[in-house]
Structure formats: structure tokens, C-alpha cells
Amino acid sequence: MSNALETSKKMAAAACRALDSKKGEDIRVIDISEISVLADYFIIANGNSNSQVQALVDNVEEELAKEGYTVKQREGYGLGNWVLLDFGDIIVHVFDKENRLFYDLERIWKDGKTISMEDLEK
């Protein structure tokens, strides 16, 4: 595995741990490295309320910052129904339940490879 992909994998693993520690629901990781130049991984999760969505986002930013990764772009934080965090190599999407169902990114990116959080830690 290339160094760049190894770095992306570490970032994705850290983001998943951050989401999981704040009780993010249905955390999914999609490897899009072979089908898109946008990023290597999409991480998708949801919270139960706008304030939980914001807490999840805050924790991802804090935990990745501790490891030296800075968010390049953040969209949607004020509304708290779909927040996108772009770290360059990974993109984290945190939804409320309703918007996650509506936008269904897993279906849109079905050509990507779904991987488990456990596989990221290997």
C-alpha cells in the first residue's frame, strides 16, 4: 500500500473512532480511491439530533487535529442536518437520520468498496 493510501487509512480510522466515541450511528466507510479523484475514503454516519451531529463533527475535527490533520473545508455545520468535513484524503459526512435516508450516499457511491472499521485498524 502506498504511503498516501496508508495515511488516508489512518485518517479514516481516526475519524471512525471519533464518531464511534460520541455514539455516531451506522458508521460506514467507502473506499472510493479507485473510482474517484475526490478522496480515498468517504466516511458516513448519522446522529439523532442537530446538536449530536454537531458534537460528532466537533469530535472528528478535534481528534484528527491531535494527529496533525486539518480540515480543508467544512460545510453545513450551522444547520446540523448534513455536515461535510473535507480533509483532502478523506471526506466525512455526518447526517441527521432523515437527511441520510434522503441523500442515500451509500447508493450513489455503490461502486466504491465498503470496508469495515476493523479493516481500517489493520
PDB file of N, CA and C in Angstrom:
ATOM      1  N   MET A   1       0.854  -1.179   0.000  1.00  0.00           N
ATOM      2  CA  MET A   1       0.000   0.000   0.000  1.00  0.00           C
ATOM      3  C   MET A   1       0.900   1.243   0.000  1.00  0.00           C
ATOM      4  N   SER A   2       0.562   2.216  -0.823  1.00  0.00           N
ATOM      5  CA  SER A   2       1.374   3.429  -0.902  1.00  0.00           C
ATOM      6  C   SER A   2       1.275   4.222   0.395  1.00  0.00           C
ATOM      7  N   ASN A   3       2.266   5.077   0.624  1.00  0.00           N
ATOM      8  CA  ASN A   3       2.262   5.910   1.829  1.00  0.00           C
ATOM      9  C   ASN A   3       1.040   6.803   1.892  1.00  0.00           C
ATOM     10  N   ALA A   4       0.644   7.380   0.743  1.00  0.00           N
ATOM     11  CA  ALA A   4      -0.524   8.272   0.711  1.00  0.00           C
ATOM     12  C   ALA A   4      -1.781   7.506   1.120  1.00  0.00           C
ATOM     13  N   LEU A   5      -1.940   6.293   0.597  1.00  0.00           N
ATOM     14  CA  LEU A   5      -3.119   5.499   0.938  1.00  0.00           C
ATOM     15  C   LEU A   5      -3.069   5.043   2.393  1.00  0.00           C
ATOM     16  N   GLU A   6      -1.875   4.772   2.888  1.00  0.00           N
ATOM     17  CA  GLU A   6      -1.712   4.392   4.298  1.00  0.00           C
ATOM     18  C   GLU A   6      -2.105   5.564   5.211  1.00  0.00           C
ATOM     19  N   THR A   7      -1.724   6.777   4.825  1.00  0.00           N
ATOM     20  CA  THR A   7      -2.104   7.977   5.584  1.00  0.00           C
ATOM     21  C   THR A   7      -3.613   8.159   5.570  1.00  0.00           C
ATOM     22  N   SER A   8      -4.234   7.990   4.400  1.00  0.00           N
ATOM     23  CA  SER A   8      -5.697   8.102   4.290  1.00  0.00           C
ATOM     24  C   SER A   8      -6.388   7.098   5.197  1.00  0.00           C
ATOM     25  N   LYS A   9      -5.846   5.895   5.212  1.00  0.00           N
ATOM     26  CA  LYS A   9      -6.428   4.825   6.029  1.00  0.00           C
ATOM     27  C   LYS A   9      -6.355   5.194   7.511  1.00  0.00           C
ATOM     28  N   LYS A  10      -5.212   5.753   7.945  1.00  0.00           N
ATOM     29  CA  LYS A  10      -5.064   6.176   9.342  1.00  0.00           C
ATOM     30  C   LYS A  10      -6.044   7.300   9.667  1.00  0.00           C
ATOM     31  N   MET A  11      -6.198   8.240   8.745  1.00  0.00           N
ATOM     32  CA  MET A  11      -7.143   9.336   8.950  1.00  0.00           C
ATOM     33  C   MET A  11      -8.560   8.800   9.079  1.00  0.00           C
ATOM     34  N   ALA A  12      -8.920   7.875   8.185  1.00  0.00           N
ATOM     35  CA  ALA A  12     -10.265   7.295   8.205  1.00  0.00           C
ATOM     36  C   ALA A  12     -10.510   6.548   9.513  1.00  0.00           C
ATOM     37  N   ALA A  13      -9.512   5.810   9.970  1.00  0.00           N
ATOM     38  CA  ALA A  13      -9.645   5.062  11.225  1.00  0.00           C
ATOM     39  C   ALA A  13      -9.850   6.032  12.393  1.00  0.00           C
ATOM     40  N   ALA A  14      -9.087   7.122  12.415  1.00  0.00           N
ATOM     41  CA  ALA A  14      -9.226   8.112  13.492  1.00  0.00           C
ATOM     42  C   ALA A  14     -10.607   8.756  13.459  1.00  0.00           C
ATOM     43  N   ALA A  15     -11.100   9.056  12.263  1.00  0.00           N
ATOM     44  CA  ALA A  15     -12.431   9.657  12.128  1.00  0.00           C
ATOM     45  C   ALA A  15     -13.504   8.691  12.634  1.00  0.00           C
ATOM     46  N   CYS A  16     -13.368   7.422  12.299  1.00  0.00           N
ATOM     47  CA  CYS A  16     -14.348   6.421  12.751  1.00  0.00           C
ATOM     48  C   CYS A  16     -14.335   6.285  14.265  1.00  0.00           C
ATOM     49  N   ARG A  17     -13.146   6.270  14.854  1.00  0.00           N
ATOM     50  CA  ARG A  17     -13.055   6.184  16.324  1.00  0.00           C
ATOM     51  C   ARG A  17     -13.725   7.400  16.965  1.00  0.00           C
ATOM     52  N   ALA A  18     -13.497   8.583  16.369  1.00  0.00           N
ATOM     53  CA  ALA A  18     -14.087   9.814  16.908  1.00  0.00           C
ATOM     54  C   ALA A  18     -15.606   9.767  16.816  1.00  0.00           C
ATOM     55  N   LEU A  19     -16.130   9.276  15.704  1.00  0.00           N
ATOM     56  CA  LEU A  19     -17.586   9.158  15.537  1.00  0.00           C
ATOM     57  C   LEU A  19     -18.158   8.138  16.516  1.00  0.00           C
ATOM     58  N   ASP A  20     -17.468   7.019  16.629  1.00  0.00           N
ATOM     59  CA  ASP A  20     -17.930   5.945  17.499  1.00  0.00           C
ATOM     60  C   ASP A  20     -17.926   6.379  18.966  1.00  0.00           C
ATOM     61  N   SER A  21     -16.925   7.141  19.369  1.00  0.00           N
ATOM     62  CA  SER A  21     -16.827   7.541  20.779  1.00  0.00           C
ATOM     63  C   SER A  21     -17.937   8.506  21.200  1.00  0.00           C
ATOM     64  N   LYS A  22     -18.547   9.181  20.223  1.00  0.00           N
ATOM     65  CA  LYS A  22     -19.673  10.080  20.519  1.00  0.00           C
ATOM     66  C   LYS A  22     -21.012   9.457  20.103  1.00  0.00           C
ATOM     67  N   LYS A  23     -20.988   8.123  19.951  1.00  0.00           N
ATOM     68  CA  LYS A  23     -22.195   7.351  19.649  1.00  0.00           C
ATOM     69  C   LYS A  23     -22.814   7.693  18.290  1.00  0.00           C
ATOM     70  N   GLY A  24     -21.945   7.946  17.307  1.00  0.00           N
ATOM     71  CA  GLY A  24     -22.419   8.093  15.931  1.00  0.00           C
ATOM     72  C   GLY A  24     -23.053   6.787  15.492  1.00  0.00           C
ATOM     73  N   GLU A  25     -24.106   6.865  14.711  1.00  0.00           N
ATOM     74  CA  GLU A  25     -24.841   5.663  14.318  1.00  0.00           C
ATOM     75  C   GLU A  25     -24.514   5.250  12.887  1.00  0.00           C
ATOM     76  N   ASP A  26     -24.550   3.940  12.668  1.00  0.00           N
ATOM     77  CA  ASP A  26     -24.422   3.347  11.337  1.00  0.00           C
ATOM     78  C   ASP A  26     -23.221   3.931  10.585  1.00  0.00           C
ATOM     79  N   ILE A  27     -22.057   3.837  11.205  1.00  0.00           N
ATOM     80  CA  ILE A  27     -20.831   4.382  10.600  1.00  0.00           C
ATOM     81  C   ILE A  27     -20.417   3.486   9.438  1.00  0.00           C
ATOM     82  N   ARG A  28     -20.290   4.095   8.266  1.00  0.00           N
ATOM     83  CA  ARG A  28     -19.900   3.357   7.057  1.00  0.00           C
ATOM     84  C   ARG A  28     -18.649   3.976   6.467  1.00  0.00           C
ATOM     85  N   VAL A  29     -17.793   3.120   5.931  1.00  0.00           N
ATOM     86  CA  VAL A  29     -16.583   3.575   5.255  1.00  0.00           C
ATOM     87  C   VAL A  29     -16.632   3.035   3.832  1.00  0.00           C
ATOM     88  N   ILE A  30     -16.475   3.939   2.878  1.00  0.00           N
ATOM     89  CA  ILE A  30     -16.472   3.538   1.470  1.00  0.00           C
ATOM     90  C   ILE A  30     -15.128   3.955   0.874  1.00  0.00           C
ATOM     91  N   ASP A  31     -14.407   2.964   0.356  1.00  0.00           N
ATOM     92  CA  ASP A  31     -13.136   3.218  -0.328  1.00  0.00           C
ATOM     93  C   ASP A  31     -13.477   3.638  -1.755  1.00  0.00           C
ATOM     94  N   ILE A  32     -13.218   4.908  -2.067  1.00  0.00           N
ATOM     95  CA  ILE A  32     -13.526   5.416  -3.408  1.00  0.00           C
ATOM     96  C   ILE A  32     -12.248   5.728  -4.187  1.00  0.00           C
ATOM     97  N   SER A  33     -11.108   5.255  -3.666  1.00  0.00           N
ATOM     98  CA  SER A  33      -9.806   5.599  -4.248  1.00  0.00           C
ATOM     99  C   SER A  33      -9.663   5.148  -5.702  1.00  0.00           C
ATOM    100  N   GLU A  34     -10.356   4.076  -6.085  1.00  0.00           N
ATOM    101  CA  GLU A  34     -10.214   3.569  -7.447  1.00  0.00           C
ATOM    102  C   GLU A  34     -11.276   4.100  -8.396  1.00  0.00           C
ATOM    103  N   ILE A  35     -12.267   4.847  -7.854  1.00  0.00           N
ATOM    104  CA  ILE A  35     -13.344   5.325  -8.733  1.00  0.00           C
ATOM    105  C   ILE A  35     -13.492   6.841  -8.745  1.00  0.00           C
ATOM    106  N   SER A  36     -12.697   7.545  -7.925  1.00  0.00           N
ATOM    107  CA  SER A  36     -12.847   8.995  -7.850  1.00  0.00           C
ATOM    108  C   SER A  36     -11.530   9.660  -7.472  1.00  0.00           C
ATOM    109  N   VAL A  37     -11.361  10.876  -7.948  1.00  0.00           N
ATOM    110  CA  VAL A  37     -10.189  11.657  -7.535  1.00  0.00           C
ATOM    111  C   VAL A  37     -10.531  12.578  -6.366  1.00  0.00           C
ATOM    112  N   LEU A  38     -11.795  12.567  -5.918  1.00  0.00           N
ATOM    113  CA  LEU A  38     -12.222  13.431  -4.816  1.00  0.00           C
ATOM    114  C   LEU A  38     -11.472  13.133  -3.523  1.00  0.00           C
ATOM    115  N   ALA A  39     -11.320  11.864  -3.222  1.00  0.00           N
ATOM    116  CA  ALA A  39     -10.720  11.430  -1.956  1.00  0.00           C
ATOM    117  C   ALA A  39     -10.467   9.935  -2.048  1.00  0.00           C
ATOM    118  N   ASP A  40      -9.839   9.390  -1.003  1.00  0.00           N
ATOM    119  CA  ASP A  40      -9.653   7.936  -0.922  1.00  0.00           C
ATOM    120  C   ASP A  40     -10.805   7.257  -0.201  1.00  0.00           C
ATOM    121  N   TYR A  41     -11.339   7.955   0.832  1.00  0.00           N
ATOM    122  CA  TYR A  41     -12.411   7.364   1.632  1.00  0.00           C
ATOM    123  C   TYR A  41     -13.520   8.364   1.892  1.00  0.00           C
ATOM    124  N   PHE A  42     -14.745   7.862   1.861  1.00  0.00           N
ATOM    125  CA  PHE A  42     -15.906   8.574   2.391  1.00  0.00           C
ATOM    126  C   PHE A  42     -16.249   7.888   3.701  1.00  0.00           C
ATOM    127  N   ILE A  43     -16.478   8.651   4.740  1.00  0.00           N
ATOM    128  CA  ILE A  43     -16.984   8.109   5.990  1.00  0.00           C
ATOM    129  C   ILE A  43     -18.352   8.746   6.201  1.00  0.00           C
ATOM    130  N   ILE A  44     -19.348   7.906   6.443  1.00  0.00           N
ATOM    131  CA  ILE A  44     -20.731   8.374   6.571  1.00  0.00           C
ATOM    132  C   ILE A  44     -21.270   7.888   7.914  1.00  0.00           C
ATOM    133  N   ALA A  45     -21.916   8.802   8.634  1.00  0.00           N
ATOM    134  CA  ALA A  45     -22.523   8.439   9.921  1.00  0.00           C
ATOM    135  C   ALA A  45     -23.713   9.355  10.145  1.00  0.00           C
ATOM    136  N   ASN A  46     -24.508   9.019  11.145  1.00  0.00           N
ATOM    137  CA  ASN A  46     -25.596   9.929  11.496  1.00  0.00           C
ATOM    138  C   ASN A  46     -25.745  10.032  13.007  1.00  0.00           C
ATOM    139  N   GLY A  47     -26.375  11.148  13.393  1.00  0.00           N
ATOM    140  CA  GLY A  47     -26.706  11.406  14.783  1.00  0.00           C
ATOM    141  C   GLY A  47     -28.211  11.494  14.915  1.00  0.00           C
ATOM    142  N   ASN A  48     -28.681  11.604  16.154  1.00  0.00           N
ATOM    143  CA  ASN A  48     -30.121  11.632  16.413  1.00  0.00           C
ATOM    144  C   ASN A  48     -30.714  13.029  16.475  1.00  0.00           C
ATOM    145  N   SER A  49     -29.865  14.032  16.518  1.00  0.00           N
ATOM    146  CA  SER A  49     -30.343  15.412  16.612  1.00  0.00           C
ATOM    147  C   SER A  49     -29.294  16.323  15.995  1.00  0.00           C
ATOM    148  N   ASN A  50     -29.690  17.568  15.740  1.00  0.00           N
ATOM    149  CA  ASN A  50     -28.732  18.519  15.183  1.00  0.00           C
ATOM    150  C   ASN A  50     -27.565  18.748  16.137  1.00  0.00           C
ATOM    151  N   SER A  51     -27.861  18.793  17.432  1.00  0.00           N
ATOM    152  CA  SER A  51     -26.763  19.017  18.387  1.00  0.00           C
ATOM    153  C   SER A  51     -25.822  17.811  18.441  1.00  0.00           C
ATOM    154  N   GLN A  52     -26.346  16.588  18.287  1.00  0.00           N
ATOM    155  CA  GLN A  52     -25.462  15.423  18.257  1.00  0.00           C
ATOM    156  C   GLN A  52     -24.636  15.428  16.981  1.00  0.00           C
ATOM    157  N   VAL A  53     -25.242  15.809  15.849  1.00  0.00           N
ATOM    158  CA  VAL A  53     -24.494  15.895  14.591  1.00  0.00           C
ATOM    159  C   VAL A  53     -23.314  16.858  14.785  1.00  0.00           C
ATOM    160  N   GLN A  54     -23.574  18.007  15.385  1.00  0.00           N
ATOM    161  CA  GLN A  54     -22.505  18.989  15.607  1.00  0.00           C
ATOM    162  C   GLN A  54     -21.449  18.453  16.577  1.00  0.00           C
ATOM    163  N   ALA A  55     -21.870  17.734  17.602  1.00  0.00           N
ATOM    164  CA  ALA A  55     -20.917  17.147  18.549  1.00  0.00           C
ATOM    165  C   ALA A  55     -20.042  16.098  17.859  1.00  0.00           C
ATOM    166  N   LEU A  56     -20.633  15.308  16.981  1.00  0.00           N
ATOM    167  CA  LEU A  56     -19.871  14.315  16.220  1.00  0.00           C
ATOM    168  C   LEU A  56     -18.823  15.008  15.357  1.00  0.00           C
ATOM    169  N   VAL A  57     -19.242  16.054  14.666  1.00  0.00           N
ATOM    170  CA  VAL A  57     -18.349  16.806  13.784  1.00  0.00           C
ATOM    171  C   VAL A  57     -17.208  17.424  14.596  1.00  0.00           C
ATOM    172  N   ASP A  58     -17.552  18.046  15.719  1.00  0.00           N
ATOM    173  CA  ASP A  58     -16.533  18.664  16.578  1.00  0.00           C
ATOM    174  C   ASP A  58     -15.499  17.627  17.017  1.00  0.00           C
ATOM    175  N   ASN A  59     -15.976  16.448  17.390  1.00  0.00           N
ATOM    176  CA  ASN A  59     -15.062  15.416  17.868  1.00  0.00           C
ATOM    177  C   ASN A  59     -14.152  14.913  16.759  1.00  0.00           C
ATOM    178  N   VAL A  60     -14.689  14.748  15.552  1.00  0.00           N
ATOM    179  CA  VAL A  60     -13.852  14.321  14.422  1.00  0.00           C
ATOM    180  C   VAL A  60     -12.753  15.357  14.188  1.00  0.00           C
ATOM    181  N   GLU A  61     -13.137  16.632  14.152  1.00  0.00           N
ATOM    182  CA  GLU A  61     -12.140  17.682  13.933  1.00  0.00           C
ATOM    183  C   GLU A  61     -11.078  17.686  15.026  1.00  0.00           C
ATOM    184  N   GLU A  62     -11.506  17.565  16.278  1.00  0.00           N
ATOM    185  CA  GLU A  62     -10.562  17.578  17.407  1.00  0.00           C
ATOM    186  C   GLU A  62      -9.604  16.389  17.350  1.00  0.00           C
ATOM    187  N   GLU A  63     -10.149  15.213  17.131  1.00  0.00           N
ATOM    188  CA  GLU A  63      -9.319  14.004  17.149  1.00  0.00           C
ATOM    189  C   GLU A  63      -8.338  13.983  15.974  1.00  0.00           C
ATOM    190  N   LEU A  64      -8.782  14.410  14.801  1.00  0.00           N
ATOM    191  CA  LEU A  64      -7.862  14.433  13.663  1.00  0.00           C
ATOM    192  C   LEU A  64      -6.816  15.530  13.831  1.00  0.00           C
ATOM    193  N   ALA A  65      -7.199  16.638  14.451  1.00  0.00           N
ATOM    194  CA  ALA A  65      -6.233  17.716  14.715  1.00  0.00           C
ATOM    195  C   ALA A  65      -5.124  17.221  15.648  1.00  0.00           C
ATOM    196  N   LYS A  66      -5.488  16.387  16.632  1.00  0.00           N
ATOM    197  CA  LYS A  66      -4.493  15.828  17.558  1.00  0.00           C
ATOM    198  C   LYS A  66      -3.451  14.995  16.806  1.00  0.00           C
ATOM    199  N   GLU A  67      -3.882  14.413  15.675  1.00  0.00           N
ATOM    200  CA  GLU A  67      -2.968  13.581  14.887  1.00  0.00           C
ATOM    201  C   GLU A  67      -2.307  14.377  13.757  1.00  0.00           C
ATOM    202  N   GLY A  68      -2.559  15.687  13.756  1.00  0.00           N
ATOM    203  CA  GLY A  68      -1.878  16.544  12.792  1.00  0.00           C
ATOM    204  C   GLY A  68      -2.614  16.788  11.485  1.00  0.00           C
ATOM    205  N   TYR A  69      -3.878  16.403  11.410  1.00  0.00           N
ATOM    206  CA  TYR A  69      -4.655  16.591  10.183  1.00  0.00           C
ATOM    207  C   TYR A  69      -5.615  17.767  10.367  1.00  0.00           C
ATOM    208  N   THR A  70      -5.636  18.650   9.390  1.00  0.00           N
ATOM    209  CA  THR A  70      -6.539  19.800   9.491  1.00  0.00           C
ATOM    210  C   THR A  70      -7.630  19.709   8.431  1.00  0.00           C
ATOM    211  N   VAL A  71      -8.804  20.157   8.809  1.00  0.00           N
ATOM    212  CA  VAL A  71      -9.937  20.153   7.894  1.00  0.00           C
ATOM    213  C   VAL A  71      -9.700  21.247   6.848  1.00  0.00           C
ATOM    214  N   LYS A  72      -9.872  20.888   5.582  1.00  0.00           N
ATOM    215  CA  LYS A  72      -9.675  21.844   4.491  1.00  0.00           C
ATOM    216  C   LYS A  72     -10.951  22.641   4.219  1.00  0.00           C
ATOM    217  N   GLN A  73     -12.080  21.974   4.420  1.00  0.00           N
ATOM    218  CA  GLN A  73     -13.359  22.636   4.191  1.00  0.00           C
ATOM    219  C   GLN A  73     -14.430  21.992   5.059  1.00  0.00           C
ATOM    220  N   ARG A  74     -15.321  22.834   5.568  1.00  0.00           N
ATOM    221  CA  ARG A  74     -16.436  22.342   6.386  1.00  0.00           C
ATOM    222  C   ARG A  74     -17.692  23.019   5.864  1.00  0.00           C
ATOM    223  N   GLU A  75     -18.708  22.221   5.573  1.00  0.00           N
ATOM    224  CA  GLU A  75     -19.973  22.734   5.028  1.00  0.00           C
ATOM    225  C   GLU A  75     -21.134  22.245   5.861  1.00  0.00           C
ATOM    226  N   GLY A  76     -22.116  23.110   6.103  1.00  0.00           N
ATOM    227  CA  GLY A  76     -23.381  22.697   6.695  1.00  0.00           C
ATOM    228  C   GLY A  76     -23.442  22.668   8.207  1.00  0.00           C
ATOM    229  N   TYR A  77     -22.400  23.124   8.884  1.00  0.00           N
ATOM    230  CA  TYR A  77     -22.351  22.995  10.343  1.00  0.00           C
ATOM    231  C   TYR A  77     -23.487  23.748  11.038  1.00  0.00           C
ATOM    232  N   GLY A  78     -23.811  24.923  10.564  1.00  0.00           N
ATOM    233  CA  GLY A  78     -24.831  25.748  11.214  1.00  0.00           C
ATOM    234  C   GLY A  78     -26.199  25.089  11.283  1.00  0.00           C
ATOM    235  N   LEU A  79     -26.555  24.352  10.231  1.00  0.00           N
ATOM    236  CA  LEU A  79     -27.861  23.690  10.204  1.00  0.00           C
ATOM    237  C   LEU A  79     -27.852  22.379  10.981  1.00  0.00           C
ATOM    238  N   GLY A  80     -26.754  21.651  10.893  1.00  0.00           N
ATOM    239  CA  GLY A  80     -26.630  20.406  11.644  1.00  0.00           C
ATOM    240  C   GLY A  80     -27.441  19.250  11.102  1.00  0.00           C
ATOM    241  N   ASN A  81     -27.892  19.337   9.840  1.00  0.00           N
ATOM    242  CA  ASN A  81     -28.618  18.190   9.289  1.00  0.00           C
ATOM    243  C   ASN A  81     -27.768  17.394   8.291  1.00  0.00           C
ATOM    244  N   TRP A  82     -26.731  18.018   7.740  1.00  0.00           N
ATOM    245  CA  TRP A  82     -25.739  17.318   6.932  1.00  0.00           C
ATOM    246  C   TRP A  82     -24.485  18.158   6.973  1.00  0.00           C
ATOM    247  N   VAL A  83     -23.467  17.652   7.625  1.00  0.00           N
ATOM    248  CA  VAL A  83     -22.198  18.368   7.695  1.00  0.00           C
ATOM    249  C   VAL A  83     -21.166  17.560   6.935  1.00  0.00           C
ATOM    250  N   LEU A  84     -20.427  18.258   6.083  1.00  0.00           N
ATOM    251  CA  LEU A  84     -19.364  17.651   5.304  1.00  0.00           C
ATOM    252  C   LEU A  84     -18.038  18.207   5.800  1.00  0.00           C
ATOM    253  N   LEU A  85     -17.125  17.302   6.119  1.00  0.00           N
ATOM    254  CA  LEU A  85     -15.762  17.671   6.505  1.00  0.00           C
ATOM    255  C   LEU A  85     -14.814  17.116   5.459  1.00  0.00           C
ATOM    256  N   ASP A  86     -14.094  17.996   4.795  1.00  0.00           N
ATOM    257  CA  ASP A  86     -13.157  17.583   3.759  1.00  0.00           C
ATOM    258  C   ASP A  86     -11.740  17.708   4.307  1.00  0.00           C
ATOM    259  N   PHE A  87     -11.102  16.569   4.499  1.00  0.00           N
ATOM    260  CA  PHE A  87      -9.724  16.537   4.971  1.00  0.00           C
ATOM    261  C   PHE A  87      -8.762  16.258   3.812  1.00  0.00           C
ATOM    262  N   GLY A  88      -9.248  16.354   2.583  1.00  0.00           N
ATOM    263  CA  GLY A  88      -8.405  16.080   1.422  1.00  0.00           C
ATOM    264  C   GLY A  88      -8.458  14.612   1.045  1.00  0.00           C
ATOM    265  N   ASP A  89      -7.795  13.766   1.838  1.00  0.00           N
ATOM    266  CA  ASP A  89      -7.762  12.333   1.525  1.00  0.00           C
ATOM    267  C   ASP A  89      -9.007  11.593   1.972  1.00  0.00           C
ATOM    268  N   ILE A  90      -9.703  12.160   2.955  1.00  0.00           N
ATOM    269  CA  ILE A  90     -10.965  11.573   3.396  1.00  0.00           C
ATOM    270  C   ILE A  90     -12.021  12.672   3.460  1.00  0.00           C
ATOM    271  N   ILE A  91     -13.253  12.266   3.240  1.00  0.00           N
ATOM    272  CA  ILE A  91     -14.385  13.179   3.388  1.00  0.00           C
ATOM    273  C   ILE A  91     -15.369  12.523   4.352  1.00  0.00           C
ATOM    274  N   VAL A  92     -15.708  13.269   5.399  1.00  0.00           N
ATOM    275  CA  VAL A  92     -16.613  12.762   6.432  1.00  0.00           C
ATOM    276  C   VAL A  92     -17.962  13.442   6.261  1.00  0.00           C
ATOM    277  N   HIS A  93     -19.015  12.634   6.165  1.00  0.00           N
ATOM    278  CA  HIS A  93     -20.383  13.132   6.066  1.00  0.00           C
ATOM    279  C   HIS A  93     -21.119  12.726   7.339  1.00  0.00           C
ATOM    280  N   VAL A  94     -21.651  13.709   8.058  1.00  0.00           N
ATOM    281  CA  VAL A  94     -22.435  13.403   9.257  1.00  0.00           C
ATOM    282  C   VAL A  94     -23.833  13.994   9.041  1.00  0.00           C
ATOM    283  N   PHE A  95     -24.813  13.124   9.080  1.00  0.00           N
ATOM    284  CA  PHE A  95     -26.202  13.482   8.799  1.00  0.00           C
ATOM    285  C   PHE A  95     -27.073  13.352  10.045  1.00  0.00           C
ATOM    286  N   ASP A  96     -28.268  13.978   9.976  1.00  0.00           N
ATOM    287  CA  ASP A  96     -29.341  13.535  10.846  1.00  0.00           C
ATOM    288  C   ASP A  96     -29.987  12.361  10.101  1.00  0.00           C
ATOM    289  N   LYS A  97     -30.842  11.602  10.774  1.00  0.00           N
ATOM    290  CA  LYS A  97     -31.385  10.379  10.159  1.00  0.00           C
ATOM    291  C   LYS A  97     -32.171  10.662   8.879  1.00  0.00           C
ATOM    292  N   GLU A  98     -33.011  11.677   8.931  1.00  0.00           N
ATOM    293  CA  GLU A  98     -33.884  11.981   7.798  1.00  0.00           C
ATOM    294  C   GLU A  98     -33.082  12.315   6.536  1.00  0.00           C
ATOM    295  N   ASN A  99     -32.084  13.166   6.670  1.00  0.00           N
ATOM    296  CA  ASN A  99     -31.283  13.555   5.510  1.00  0.00           C
ATOM    297  C   ASN A  99     -30.396  12.423   5.022  1.00  0.00           C
ATOM    298  N   ARG A 100     -29.952  11.572   5.930  1.00  0.00           N
ATOM    299  CA  ARG A 100     -29.150  10.432   5.477  1.00  0.00           C
ATOM    300  C   ARG A 100     -29.981   9.522   4.578  1.00  0.00           C
ATOM    301  N   LEU A 101     -31.197   9.258   4.985  1.00  0.00           N
ATOM    302  CA  LEU A 101     -32.080   8.429   4.155  1.00  0.00           C
ATOM    303  C   LEU A 101     -32.374   9.103   2.828  1.00  0.00           C
ATOM    304  N   PHE A 102     -32.614  10.410   2.878  1.00  0.00           N
ATOM    305  CA  PHE A 102     -32.971  11.153   1.676  1.00  0.00           C
ATOM    306  C   PHE A 102     -31.828  11.171   0.657  1.00  0.00           C
ATOM    307  N   TYR A 103     -30.620  11.481   1.104  1.00  0.00           N
ATOM    308  CA  TYR A 103     -29.496  11.608   0.164  1.00  0.00           C
ATOM    309  C   TYR A 103     -28.862  10.274  -0.198  1.00  0.00           C
ATOM    310  N   ASP A 104     -28.935   9.286   0.675  1.00  0.00           N
ATOM    311  CA  ASP A 104     -28.519   7.910   0.397  1.00  0.00           C
ATOM    312  C   ASP A 104     -27.177   7.823  -0.342  1.00  0.00           C
ATOM    313  N   LEU A 105     -26.141   8.388   0.257  1.00  0.00           N
ATOM    314  CA  LEU A 105     -24.816   8.381  -0.378  1.00  0.00           C
ATOM    315  C   LEU A 105     -24.292   6.973  -0.627  1.00  0.00           C
ATOM    316  N   GLU A 106     -24.675   6.032   0.233  1.00  0.00           N
ATOM    317  CA  GLU A 106     -24.210   4.657   0.022  1.00  0.00           C
ATOM    318  C   GLU A 106     -24.676   4.130  -1.336  1.00  0.00           C
ATOM    319  N   ARG A 107     -25.896   4.478  -1.737  1.00  0.00           N
ATOM    320  CA  ARG A 107     -26.395   4.033  -3.044  1.00  0.00           C
ATOM    321  C   ARG A 107     -25.655   4.759  -4.163  1.00  0.00           C
ATOM    322  N   ILE A 108     -25.478   6.071  -4.012  1.00  0.00           N
ATOM    323  CA  ILE A 108     -24.809   6.860  -5.046  1.00  0.00           C
ATOM    324  C   ILE A 108     -23.375   6.375  -5.273  1.00  0.00           C
ATOM    325  N   TRP A 109     -22.695   5.990  -4.196  1.00  0.00           N
ATOM    326  CA  TRP A 109     -21.295   5.555  -4.283  1.00  0.00           C
ATOM    327  C   TRP A 109     -21.167   4.041  -4.181  1.00  0.00           C
ATOM    328  N   LYS A 110     -22.165   3.313  -4.670  1.00  0.00           N
ATOM    329  CA  LYS A 110     -22.165   1.855  -4.545  1.00  0.00           C
ATOM    330  C   LYS A 110     -21.020   1.183  -5.307  1.00  0.00           C
ATOM    331  N   ASP A 111     -20.411   1.890  -6.263  1.00  0.00           N
ATOM    332  CA  ASP A 111     -19.276   1.320  -6.982  1.00  0.00           C
ATOM    333  C   ASP A 111     -18.002   1.328  -6.143  1.00  0.00           C
ATOM    334  N   GLY A 112     -18.026   2.073  -5.042  1.00  0.00           N
ATOM    335  CA  GLY A 112     -16.899   2.053  -4.118  1.00  0.00           C
ATOM    336  C   GLY A 112     -16.931   0.768  -3.302  1.00  0.00           C
ATOM    337  N   LYS A 113     -15.857   0.508  -2.599  1.00  0.00           N
ATOM    338  CA  LYS A 113     -15.756  -0.720  -1.810  1.00  0.00           C
ATOM    339  C   LYS A 113     -16.044  -0.389  -0.346  1.00  0.00           C
ATOM    340  N   THR A 114     -17.099  -0.989   0.207  1.00  0.00           N
ATOM    341  CA  THR A 114     -17.418  -0.793   1.615  1.00  0.00           C
ATOM    342  C   THR A 114     -16.433  -1.600   2.449  1.00  0.00           C
ATOM    343  N   ILE A 115     -15.828  -0.940   3.418  1.00  0.00           N
ATOM    344  CA  ILE A 115     -14.896  -1.644   4.288  1.00  0.00           C
ATOM    345  C   ILE A 115     -15.296  -1.423   5.745  1.00  0.00           C
ATOM    346  N   SER A 116     -14.926  -2.363   6.575  1.00  0.00           N
ATOM    347  CA  SER A 116     -15.315  -2.281   7.983  1.00  0.00           C
ATOM    348  C   SER A 116     -14.343  -1.395   8.755  1.00  0.00           C
ATOM    349  N   MET A 117     -14.807  -0.885   9.879  1.00  0.00           N
ATOM    350  CA  MET A 117     -13.942  -0.096  10.751  1.00  0.00           C
ATOM    351  C   MET A 117     -12.774  -0.960  11.230  1.00  0.00           C
ATOM    352  N   GLU A 118     -13.026  -2.234  11.438  1.00  0.00           N
ATOM    353  CA  GLU A 118     -11.970  -3.144  11.890  1.00  0.00           C
ATOM    354  C   GLU A 118     -10.865  -3.264  10.847  1.00  0.00           C
ATOM    355  N   ASP A 119     -11.247  -3.302   9.561  1.00  0.00           N
ATOM    356  CA  ASP A 119     -10.238  -3.410   8.499  1.00  0.00           C
ATOM    357  C   ASP A 119      -9.353  -2.166   8.420  1.00  0.00           C
ATOM    358  N   LEU A 120      -9.882  -1.010   8.817  1.00  0.00           N
ATOM    359  CA  LEU A 120      -9.073   0.204   8.819  1.00  0.00           C
ATOM    360  C   LEU A 120      -7.963   0.128   9.850  1.00  0.00           C
ATOM    361  N   GLU A 121      -8.197  -0.607  10.926  1.00  0.00           N
ATOM    362  CA  GLU A 121      -7.245  -0.665  12.018  1.00  0.00           C
ATOM    363  C   GLU A 121      -6.101  -1.635  11.748  1.00  0.00           C
ATOM    364  N   LYS A 122      -6.190  -2.400  10.669  1.00  0.00           N
ATOM    365  CA  LYS A 122      -5.148  -3.410  10.365  1.00  0.00           C
ATOM    366  C   LYS A 122      -3.921  -2.744   9.788  1.00  0.00           C
TER     367      LYS A 122
END
